[in-house]
């Protein structure tokens, strides 16, 4: 997002095409669509012409999203039709869509005509099938980053960012990150002031702090087997206590070695890192919901010192606790 971007829209609206397919994720389409629409509305309120001409396109008619909503789509534009931005949505049907050689070829050719190409969530698999991510850095929904890397080994998959820009190719993390990405596109085109007005209208952050792994860690823990789910509930009730490996292993009736190995197999985290994430999660809630001093929050959540909590926050959130409170409280 360059500070040199023009603060005014171009003379003619930029054509934006959002690609949908059967079993597309509803919010992957609706999120970016609403951002571009809101940008036009903000410009109209300032007496300026709209900057975007948005089209929902698909290879077939009567596209039904995973939420059951049927879209009115346009046919795929033929070669030679001008386009500024191509956005590829994700969803449960993306792997089937990506396996369609004809559709992947259309995405590849259309991307060559566009100024920039973006994917929302698992839409990155379509860009991968089209060969657009080879040699580039990319992100997708945290649950599918490993699969994206396996299918497309030439891609440098980074599981944490909310969105990634590598040249003219943009990719975004899970679902709502499509809104973050679209806001970044608007900021690039029309400047920070207009993008901030859109964000305020939609009641979202223009730039979220941290990455998507701050959300995935706790969700991963919650999804583990019942034995460890009970352990996590116990940990949350004893955050200020000694939560060493020996104490945790004793709580579940296992040896330290067996517990450490099985726990990592089921959650993807070491026990110590999981405890840290749960403590950070608890501290986040206290920072937002109370006026407790940061030092007392650190003690209540078992960090031992304010500096220990700060380092844990930076690892999990990419920001310190004081900055987190300033942004979200």
Protein backbone atom coordinates (compact mmCIF):
# COMPACT_ATOMS: atom_id res chain seq x y z
CA UNK A 1 0.00 0.00 0.00
CA UNK A 2 2.02 2.91 -1.29
CA UNK A 3 1.66 6.46 0.10
CA UNK A 4 1.99 7.68 -3.48
CA UNK A 5 -1.34 6.24 -4.59
CA UNK A 6 -3.73 8.76 -6.18
CA UNK A 7 -6.31 10.25 -3.79
CA UNK A 8 -8.93 10.56 -6.52
CA UNK A 9 -10.66 7.93 -8.66
CA UNK A 10 -9.79 7.46 -12.34
CA UNK A 11 -11.93 9.03 -15.05
CA UNK A 12 -13.55 5.68 -15.88
CA UNK A 13 -14.57 3.08 -13.27
CA UNK A 14 -12.17 0.20 -12.78
CA UNK A 15 -13.74 -3.10 -13.84
CA UNK A 16 -13.57 -5.65 -11.01
CA UNK A 17 -14.50 -9.27 -11.64
CA UNK A 18 -15.23 -11.64 -8.74
CA UNK A 19 -15.10 -15.28 -9.81
CA UNK A 20 -17.63 -17.62 -8.18
CA UNK A 21 -18.34 -21.34 -8.60
CA UNK A 22 -20.71 -23.94 -7.11
CA UNK A 23 -20.36 -24.18 -3.29
CA UNK A 24 -18.48 -20.88 -3.09
CA UNK A 25 -18.15 -19.30 0.36
CA UNK A 26 -20.80 -16.58 0.61
CA UNK A 27 -18.69 -14.12 2.58
CA UNK A 28 -15.73 -14.55 0.21
CA UNK A 29 -17.94 -12.96 -2.43
CA UNK A 30 -20.05 -10.60 -0.34
CA UNK A 31 -17.16 -9.16 1.70
CA UNK A 32 -15.06 -7.72 -1.14
CA UNK A 33 -18.21 -6.84 -3.11
CA UNK A 34 -19.47 -4.71 -0.21
CA UNK A 35 -16.11 -2.99 0.21
CA UNK A 36 -16.00 -1.90 -3.45
CA UNK A 37 -19.66 -0.85 -3.30
CA UNK A 38 -19.08 1.14 -0.12
CA UNK A 39 -16.12 2.88 -1.77
CA UNK A 40 -18.41 4.03 -4.59
CA UNK A 41 -20.95 5.22 -2.02
CA UNK A 42 -18.32 7.21 -0.14
CA UNK A 43 -17.19 8.83 -3.39
CA UNK A 44 -20.79 9.67 -4.31
CA UNK A 45 -21.23 11.37 -0.93
CA UNK A 46 -18.24 13.55 -1.84
CA UNK A 47 -19.68 14.39 -5.23
CA UNK A 48 -17.21 12.19 -7.10
CA UNK A 49 -17.97 9.45 -9.65
CA UNK A 50 -17.75 5.81 -8.66
CA UNK A 51 -14.35 4.14 -8.93
CA UNK A 52 -15.47 0.52 -9.39
CA UNK A 53 -17.65 -1.41 -11.82
CA UNK A 54 -18.06 -4.79 -10.10
CA UNK A 55 -19.17 -7.97 -11.88
CA UNK A 56 -19.81 -11.41 -10.38
CA UNK A 57 -18.79 -13.95 -13.01
CA UNK A 58 -18.94 -17.73 -13.23
CA UNK A 59 -18.52 -20.57 -15.71
CA UNK A 60 -22.15 -21.63 -15.18
CA UNK A 61 -25.42 -20.00 -14.21
CA UNK A 62 -27.38 -20.43 -11.00
CA UNK A 63 -24.39 -20.58 -8.67
CA UNK A 64 -25.42 -21.57 -5.14
CA UNK A 65 -23.16 -20.63 -2.23
CA UNK A 66 -22.49 -22.94 0.72
CA UNK A 67 -24.97 -20.87 2.76
CA UNK A 68 -27.73 -21.75 0.25
CA UNK A 69 -27.94 -18.33 -1.42
CA UNK A 70 -28.25 -18.41 -5.22
CA UNK A 71 -26.20 -15.83 -7.10
CA UNK A 72 -27.14 -14.03 -10.30
CA UNK A 73 -23.85 -14.32 -12.17
CA UNK A 74 -22.58 -13.20 -15.55
CA UNK A 75 -20.85 -15.47 -18.05
CA UNK A 76 -17.07 -15.49 -18.10
CA UNK A 77 -15.97 -12.49 -20.19
CA UNK A 78 -14.24 -13.34 -23.45
CA UNK A 79 -10.61 -12.50 -24.12
CA UNK A 80 -10.11 -8.87 -24.99
CA UNK A 81 -12.66 -7.51 -22.54
CA UNK A 82 -10.94 -4.92 -20.39
CA UNK A 83 -10.46 -5.75 -16.71
CA UNK A 84 -8.62 -4.03 -13.89
CA UNK A 85 -8.89 -6.43 -10.95
CA UNK A 86 -9.68 -10.15 -10.82
CA UNK A 87 -10.78 -11.55 -7.45
CA UNK A 88 -11.12 -15.32 -7.00
CA UNK A 89 -13.31 -16.44 -4.10
CA UNK A 90 -12.85 -19.61 -2.06
CA UNK A 91 -15.17 -22.12 -0.44
CA UNK A 92 -15.97 -25.82 -0.25
CA UNK A 93 -16.21 -26.12 -4.02
CA UNK A 94 -12.83 -24.57 -4.79
CA UNK A 95 -10.90 -27.83 -5.25
CA UNK A 96 -13.41 -29.08 -7.78
CA UNK A 97 -13.34 -25.73 -9.55
CA UNK A 98 -9.52 -25.70 -9.51
CA UNK A 99 -9.50 -29.16 -11.11
CA UNK A 100 -11.40 -27.75 -14.12
CA UNK A 101 -8.57 -27.23 -16.62
CA UNK A 102 -10.66 -24.88 -18.73
CA UNK A 103 -11.50 -22.62 -15.78
CA UNK A 104 -7.89 -22.60 -14.59
CA UNK A 105 -6.81 -21.58 -18.09
CA UNK A 106 -9.40 -18.78 -18.09
CA UNK A 107 -8.06 -17.51 -14.74
CA UNK A 108 -4.50 -17.60 -16.05
CA UNK A 109 -5.40 -15.72 -19.24
CA UNK A 110 -7.66 -13.25 -17.43
CA UNK A 111 -4.96 -12.54 -14.87
CA UNK A 112 -2.56 -11.68 -17.68
CA UNK A 113 -5.02 -9.03 -18.84
CA UNK A 114 -5.69 -7.62 -15.36
CA UNK A 115 -3.61 -5.07 -13.50
CA UNK A 116 -3.77 -7.26 -10.41
CA UNK A 117 -5.23 -10.59 -9.31
CA UNK A 118 -6.39 -11.53 -5.82
CA UNK A 119 -7.73 -14.58 -4.03
CA UNK A 120 -9.89 -14.77 -0.94
CA UNK A 121 -9.29 -17.61 1.53
CA UNK A 122 -9.01 -20.94 -0.32
CA UNK A 123 -9.34 -19.18 -3.66
CA UNK A 124 -5.53 -19.46 -3.55
CA UNK A 125 -5.94 -23.06 -4.76
CA UNK A 126 -7.42 -21.75 -8.00
CA UNK A 127 -4.51 -19.34 -8.44
CA UNK A 128 -2.17 -22.24 -7.74
CA UNK A 129 -3.83 -24.42 -10.38
CA UNK A 130 -3.48 -21.56 -12.84
CA UNK A 131 0.26 -21.39 -12.11
CA UNK A 132 0.01 -17.85 -10.79
CA UNK A 133 1.59 -18.56 -7.41
CA UNK A 134 4.73 -20.37 -8.56
CA UNK A 135 7.79 -18.66 -7.08
CA UNK A 136 5.61 -16.29 -5.06
CA UNK A 137 4.75 -15.86 -1.39
CA UNK A 138 1.10 -16.60 -0.59
CA UNK A 139 -1.36 -17.27 2.21
CA UNK A 140 -4.71 -19.02 2.56
CA UNK A 141 -6.97 -20.10 5.41
CA UNK A 142 -4.77 -21.40 8.25
CA UNK A 143 -6.38 -24.86 8.12
CA UNK A 144 -5.37 -25.30 4.47
CA UNK A 145 -1.88 -23.78 4.36
CA UNK A 146 -0.26 -27.22 4.64
CA UNK A 147 -2.40 -28.59 1.82
CA UNK A 148 -1.64 -25.57 -0.38
CA UNK A 149 2.09 -26.13 0.18
CA UNK A 150 1.76 -29.85 -0.57
CA UNK A 151 -0.13 -29.32 -3.82
CA UNK A 152 2.02 -26.42 -5.01
CA UNK A 153 5.60 -26.91 -3.73
CA UNK A 154 6.90 -23.94 -5.75
CA UNK A 155 4.81 -21.57 -3.63
CA UNK A 156 6.25 -19.98 -0.47
CA UNK A 157 3.23 -20.44 1.80
CA UNK A 158 3.21 -18.17 4.84
CA UNK A 159 0.44 -19.25 7.25
CA UNK A 160 0.27 -16.12 9.40
CA UNK A 161 -0.48 -12.89 7.45
CA UNK A 162 -4.01 -11.58 7.00
CA UNK A 163 -3.09 -10.97 3.36
CA UNK A 164 0.03 -11.07 1.20
CA UNK A 165 0.99 -9.02 -1.83
CA UNK A 166 3.67 -10.39 -4.15
CA UNK A 167 3.87 -8.23 -7.23
CA UNK A 168 0.49 -8.11 -8.97
CA UNK A 169 -0.76 -11.17 -7.06
CA UNK A 170 -2.60 -10.76 -3.75
CA UNK A 171 -3.75 -13.64 -1.52
CA UNK A 172 -5.65 -13.49 1.76
CA UNK A 173 -6.26 -15.64 4.82
CA UNK A 174 -9.54 -17.14 6.00
CA UNK A 175 -12.95 -15.78 4.98
CA UNK A 176 -13.21 -12.32 6.62
CA UNK A 177 -9.65 -11.55 5.49
CA UNK A 178 -11.19 -10.89 2.07
CA UNK A 179 -12.55 -7.66 3.56
CA UNK A 180 -9.07 -6.70 4.76
CA UNK A 181 -7.66 -7.44 1.31
CA UNK A 182 -10.35 -5.43 -0.50
CA UNK A 183 -9.75 -2.47 1.82
CA UNK A 184 -6.05 -2.65 0.94
CA UNK A 185 -6.92 -2.60 -2.76
CA UNK A 186 -9.14 0.45 -2.21
CA UNK A 187 -6.36 2.16 -0.27
CA UNK A 188 -3.92 1.49 -3.10
CA UNK A 189 -6.34 2.97 -5.63
CA UNK A 190 -7.96 5.84 -3.78
CA UNK A 191 -5.78 6.64 -0.79
CA UNK A 192 -5.89 6.03 2.93
CA UNK A 193 -8.56 8.59 3.74
CA UNK A 194 -11.18 7.00 1.48
CA UNK A 195 -10.27 3.45 2.59
CA UNK A 196 -10.55 4.53 6.23
CA UNK A 197 -13.99 6.02 5.55
CA UNK A 198 -15.09 2.70 4.06
CA UNK A 199 -13.71 0.78 7.05
CA UNK A 200 -15.53 3.06 9.47
CA UNK A 201 -18.77 2.67 7.54
CA UNK A 202 -18.45 -1.12 7.65
CA UNK A 203 -17.33 -1.00 11.31
CA UNK A 204 -14.11 -2.93 10.67
CA UNK A 205 -10.42 -2.17 11.14
CA UNK A 206 -8.57 -0.74 8.17
CA UNK A 207 -5.52 -2.76 9.24
CA UNK A 208 -5.86 -5.55 11.78
CA UNK A 209 -2.93 -6.13 14.08
CA UNK A 210 -1.31 -9.54 14.19
CA UNK A 211 -1.94 -12.50 11.92
CA UNK A 212 -4.48 -15.27 11.53
CA UNK A 213 -2.49 -17.69 13.71
CA UNK A 214 -3.52 -15.64 16.74
CA UNK A 215 -7.02 -17.04 16.16
CA UNK A 216 -6.06 -20.52 14.94
CA UNK A 217 -4.06 -21.54 18.02
CA UNK A 218 -6.95 -21.43 20.46
CA UNK A 219 -9.32 -22.98 17.91
CA UNK A 220 -6.88 -25.83 17.38
CA UNK A 221 -6.74 -26.48 21.10
CA UNK A 222 -10.53 -26.47 21.34
CA UNK A 223 -10.73 -29.04 18.53
CA UNK A 224 -8.43 -31.56 20.21
CA UNK A 225 -9.69 -34.84 21.70
CA UNK A 226 -11.92 -34.98 24.78
CA UNK A 227 -9.12 -35.88 27.18
CA UNK A 228 -7.15 -32.76 26.30
CA UNK A 229 -10.32 -30.64 26.13
CA UNK A 230 -10.81 -31.38 29.82
CA UNK A 231 -7.18 -30.46 30.43
CA UNK A 232 -7.63 -27.14 28.66
CA UNK A 233 -10.66 -26.34 30.81
CA UNK A 234 -8.57 -27.14 33.89
CA UNK A 235 -5.70 -24.95 32.65
CA UNK A 236 -8.05 -22.01 32.12
CA UNK A 237 -9.12 -22.33 35.77
CA UNK A 238 -5.49 -22.48 37.00
CA UNK A 239 -3.66 -20.01 34.79
CA UNK A 240 -1.84 -18.39 37.72
CA UNK A 241 -0.58 -21.76 39.01
CA UNK A 242 2.49 -23.80 38.16
CA UNK A 243 1.71 -25.29 34.74
CA UNK A 244 4.94 -27.12 34.12
CA UNK A 245 5.15 -30.19 31.91
CA UNK A 246 5.27 -32.40 35.00
CA UNK A 247 2.14 -30.80 36.47
CA UNK A 248 0.19 -31.13 33.21
CA UNK A 249 1.26 -34.73 32.66
CA UNK A 250 0.19 -35.62 36.20
CA UNK A 251 -3.17 -33.96 35.64
CA UNK A 252 -3.95 -36.33 32.75
CA UNK A 253 -2.28 -39.35 34.34
CA UNK A 254 0.52 -39.77 31.80
CA UNK A 255 4.30 -39.79 31.83
CA UNK A 256 5.92 -36.52 30.81
CA UNK A 257 7.41 -38.07 27.67
CA UNK A 258 4.16 -39.69 26.50
CA UNK A 259 2.13 -36.61 27.31
CA UNK A 260 4.48 -34.25 25.46
CA UNK A 261 4.48 -36.47 22.36
CA UNK A 262 0.73 -37.14 22.26
CA UNK A 263 -0.18 -33.57 23.03
CA UNK A 264 1.85 -32.23 20.14
CA UNK A 265 0.40 -34.87 17.79
CA UNK A 266 -3.16 -33.80 18.65
CA UNK A 267 -2.76 -30.01 18.87
CA UNK A 268 0.30 -29.11 16.79
CA UNK A 269 1.77 -27.24 19.78
CA UNK A 270 4.09 -28.12 22.64
CA UNK A 271 2.39 -28.04 26.06
CA UNK A 272 4.38 -24.94 27.10
CA UNK A 273 3.40 -23.05 23.96
CA UNK A 274 -0.24 -24.06 24.40
CA UNK A 275 -0.24 -22.76 27.96
CA UNK A 276 1.27 -19.52 26.72
CA UNK A 277 -1.44 -19.15 24.07
CA UNK A 278 -4.21 -19.80 26.61
CA UNK A 279 -2.68 -17.25 28.96
CA UNK A 280 -2.47 -14.72 26.13
CA UNK A 281 -6.12 -15.37 25.26
CA UNK A 282 -7.16 -14.78 28.87
CA UNK A 283 -5.03 -11.64 29.04
CA UNK A 284 -6.61 -10.34 25.85
CA UNK A 285 -10.05 -10.56 27.44
CA UNK A 286 -8.93 -8.79 30.62
CA UNK A 287 -7.21 -6.03 28.66
CA UNK A 288 -10.36 -5.38 26.64
CA UNK A 289 -13.02 -5.91 29.31
CA UNK A 290 -11.36 -4.41 32.41
CA UNK A 291 -9.27 -1.46 33.51
CA UNK A 292 -6.79 -3.62 35.41
CA UNK A 293 -3.16 -2.42 35.12
CA UNK A 294 -1.09 -4.49 32.72
CA UNK A 295 1.07 -5.69 35.61
CA UNK A 296 -1.96 -7.14 37.42
CA UNK A 297 -3.23 -8.76 34.22
CA UNK A 298 0.16 -10.44 33.82
CA UNK A 299 0.02 -11.77 37.37
CA UNK A 300 -3.58 -12.98 37.14
CA UNK A 301 -2.83 -14.88 33.92
CA UNK A 302 0.29 -16.54 35.28
CA UNK A 303 3.00 -14.74 33.32
CA UNK A 304 5.06 -13.89 36.37
CA UNK A 305 6.11 -10.48 35.06
CA UNK A 306 4.89 -7.78 32.71
CA UNK A 307 7.91 -8.31 30.45
CA UNK A 308 7.20 -12.04 30.15
CA UNK A 309 3.63 -11.25 29.07
CA UNK A 310 4.86 -8.64 26.59
CA UNK A 311 7.16 -11.15 24.88
CA UNK A 312 4.37 -13.74 24.76
CA UNK A 313 1.99 -11.18 23.24
CA UNK A 314 4.47 -10.23 20.55
CA UNK A 315 4.93 -13.90 19.62
CA UNK A 316 1.18 -14.58 19.47
CA UNK A 317 -0.27 -11.22 18.39
CA UNK A 318 2.65 -9.37 16.77
CA UNK A 319 1.87 -6.47 19.14
CA UNK A 320 2.47 -5.85 22.83
CA UNK A 321 -0.32 -5.82 25.45
CA UNK A 322 -0.40 -2.04 25.81
CA UNK A 323 -0.74 -1.53 22.07
CA UNK A 324 -3.39 -4.26 21.96
CA UNK A 325 -5.41 -2.49 24.64
CA UNK A 326 -5.08 0.86 22.86
CA UNK A 327 -6.43 -0.65 19.65
CA UNK A 328 -9.22 -2.85 20.95
CA UNK A 329 -10.35 -1.71 24.40
